[in-house]
Protein backbone atom coordinates (compact mmCIF):
# COMPACT_ATOMS: atom_id res chain seq x y z
CA MET A 1 33.47 16.12 21.47
CA LYS A 2 35.21 18.08 24.19
CA ILE A 3 33.76 20.02 27.12
CA SER A 4 34.43 23.37 25.39
CA GLU A 5 32.60 22.16 22.27
CA ILE A 6 29.45 21.09 24.11
CA LYS A 7 29.39 24.38 26.02
CA GLN A 8 29.61 26.27 22.73
CA ALA A 9 26.88 24.10 21.22
CA LEU A 10 24.59 24.54 24.24
CA ALA A 11 24.87 28.31 23.82
CA GLU A 12 23.63 27.95 20.22
CA VAL A 13 20.74 25.45 20.46
CA GLU A 14 17.18 25.98 21.66
CA ALA A 15 16.67 22.41 22.91
CA VAL A 16 18.89 19.55 24.07
CA ASN A 17 18.32 16.56 21.80
CA PHE A 18 20.39 13.38 22.01
CA ARG A 19 20.26 10.85 19.18
CA LEU A 20 21.46 7.24 19.32
CA PRO A 21 23.66 5.76 16.56
CA THR A 22 20.49 4.07 15.23
CA GLY A 23 18.93 7.49 14.55
CA GLU A 24 16.43 7.09 17.39
CA TYR A 25 16.12 10.08 19.74
CA LEU A 26 16.28 9.82 23.51
CA PRO A 27 12.95 10.77 25.05
CA ALA A 28 12.66 14.51 25.64
CA HIS A 29 12.26 13.89 29.38
CA PHE A 30 15.76 12.39 29.87
CA HIS A 31 17.92 13.60 32.76
CA VAL A 32 21.64 14.18 33.04
CA THR A 33 22.07 12.31 36.32
CA GLU A 34 25.85 12.51 36.59
CA VAL A 35 28.78 14.47 35.22
CA GLY A 36 31.97 12.84 36.35
CA LEU A 37 35.66 12.37 35.84
CA VAL A 38 36.74 8.88 34.80
CA ASN A 39 40.41 7.96 35.11
CA LYS A 40 41.48 4.66 33.60
CA HIS A 41 44.95 3.37 34.51
CA PHE A 42 45.77 0.11 32.80
CA ILE A 43 48.34 -2.16 31.21
CA ASP A 44 47.75 -3.20 27.61
CA CYS A 45 48.42 -6.76 26.41
CA GLY A 46 51.92 -5.71 25.34
CA GLY A 47 52.82 -4.60 28.87
CA VAL A 48 52.62 -0.84 28.22
CA GLU A 49 51.17 1.21 31.07
CA ARG A 50 48.52 3.65 29.86
CA ARG A 51 46.19 6.29 31.27
CA GLU A 52 42.99 7.77 29.90
CA THR A 53 40.86 10.51 31.42
CA VAL A 54 37.42 11.53 30.15
CA ALA A 55 34.46 13.56 31.29
CA ASN A 56 31.52 11.19 31.70
CA PHE A 57 27.87 12.16 31.28
CA GLN A 58 25.24 9.70 32.47
CA LEU A 59 21.88 10.09 30.74
CA TRP A 60 18.78 8.53 32.25
CA GLU A 61 15.06 8.52 31.66
CA ALA A 62 12.23 7.89 34.06
CA GLY A 63 8.52 8.47 34.37
CA ASP A 64 9.02 12.23 34.81
CA TYR A 65 7.41 13.11 31.47
CA ASP A 66 7.15 16.82 32.26
CA HIS A 67 10.92 17.17 32.65
CA ARG A 68 12.84 18.90 29.86
CA LEU A 69 16.50 19.78 30.18
CA ALA A 70 17.03 23.27 28.78
CA PRO A 71 20.40 24.24 27.32
CA LEU A 72 21.00 26.84 30.07
CA LYS A 73 20.25 24.27 32.78
CA PHE A 74 22.74 21.86 31.17
CA LEU A 75 25.34 24.66 31.08
CA HIS A 76 24.68 25.25 34.78
CA ILE A 77 25.28 21.56 35.51
CA LEU A 78 28.55 21.74 33.57
CA ASP A 79 29.61 24.82 35.55
CA LEU A 80 28.91 22.98 38.81
CA SER A 81 30.95 20.02 37.56
CA LYS A 82 34.14 22.11 37.40
CA LYS A 83 34.65 21.07 41.04
CA VAL A 84 35.17 17.51 39.80
CA LEU A 85 36.35 17.94 36.21
CA GLY A 86 38.76 20.79 36.79
CA SER A 87 39.61 23.12 33.93
CA GLU A 88 41.05 20.61 31.44
CA ASP A 89 39.18 20.44 28.12
CA LEU A 90 38.39 16.72 28.29
CA ASP A 91 36.85 14.40 25.74
CA ILE A 92 33.29 13.37 26.63
CA GLU A 93 32.02 9.83 27.06
CA VAL A 94 28.29 9.24 27.51
CA GLU A 95 26.60 6.41 29.42
CA TYR A 96 23.03 5.53 28.54
CA GLN A 97 20.95 2.59 29.76
CA GLN A 98 19.73 0.20 27.10
CA ALA A 99 19.78 -3.59 27.54
CA THR A 100 22.88 -2.83 29.60
CA ILE A 101 24.76 0.40 30.21
CA GLY A 102 26.10 1.56 26.87
CA LYS A 103 29.17 3.76 26.49
CA PHE A 104 29.22 6.20 23.62
CA GLY A 105 31.30 8.97 22.14
CA LEU A 106 29.61 12.28 21.37
CA THR A 107 29.44 14.51 18.33
CA ARG A 108 27.15 17.22 17.02
CA GLU A 109 25.09 17.21 13.86
CA GLY A 110 23.14 20.41 13.35
CA ASN A 111 21.09 20.99 16.51
CA ASP A 112 21.43 17.38 17.71
CA PHE A 113 23.98 15.74 19.97
CA VAL A 114 24.71 12.32 18.52
CA LEU A 115 25.89 9.38 20.58
CA THR A 116 28.55 7.59 18.54
CA GLN A 117 29.61 3.97 18.74
CA LYS A 118 32.79 3.12 20.60
CA HIS A 119 34.88 0.07 19.79
CA THR A 120 37.49 -2.00 21.56
CA ALA A 121 40.91 -2.46 19.98
CA CYS A 122 44.23 -4.12 20.61
CA LEU A 123 46.65 -1.35 21.56
CA ALA A 124 49.70 -3.62 21.26
CA GLN A 125 49.19 -5.18 17.84
CA ASP A 126 52.93 -5.74 17.28
CA ALA A 127 53.30 -7.54 20.62
CA CYS A 128 50.27 -9.73 19.86
CA GLY A 129 51.39 -10.60 16.34
CA ILE A 130 48.41 -8.89 14.73
CA SER A 131 49.20 -7.54 11.28
CA ASP A 132 47.41 -4.87 9.28
CA GLN A 133 46.46 -7.56 6.75
CA GLN A 134 44.29 -9.30 9.35
CA PHE A 135 42.23 -6.13 9.67
CA ALA A 136 41.90 -5.83 5.89
CA LEU A 137 40.34 -9.31 5.49
CA PRO A 138 36.71 -8.11 5.27
CA GLN A 139 37.75 -5.70 2.52
CA LEU A 140 39.46 -8.54 0.63
CA LEU A 141 36.33 -10.66 0.85
CA VAL A 142 34.30 -7.85 -0.66
CA ALA A 143 36.84 -7.63 -3.48
CA GLY A 144 36.28 -11.31 -4.35
CA CYS A 145 39.02 -12.98 -2.28
CA THR A 146 37.87 -16.33 -0.94
CA PRO A 147 39.37 -18.68 1.66
CA GLY A 148 41.80 -21.09 -0.04
CA GLY A 149 42.04 -18.83 -3.09
CA GLY A 150 45.65 -17.88 -2.37
CA CYS A 151 45.09 -14.19 -1.73
CA CYS A 152 44.40 -14.45 2.01
């Protein structure tokens, strides 16, 4: 989800509800404690220099059970964040504390904002000698391929 999409969604919903990938909802008294700009400048394992920039929302809950973040208040926070985010329509990454800080993507389903799972990946598969067949192995196992059977 991009900044423009969450702003549009906030203008349409009556309440701000975040749901984890498990289907569990964040408590209604959560806070948006930070809206930030995260720049990642890195070298992948193949030696290619890369850059990623995302808008980061940090969600947090505490003992403030009377707190409810209204859509208009969230829009106000996003307007204030223009000082940091600028005007680019950035992808959103969400941080939420569980056993450790989790990083999530964000999408919308109906009136809910859904935190989506993020995964690591090798960005230089050719340089690392990783073939597409190695990623298809779980599918082959489901189809009846077994180790030593000649199909793997």
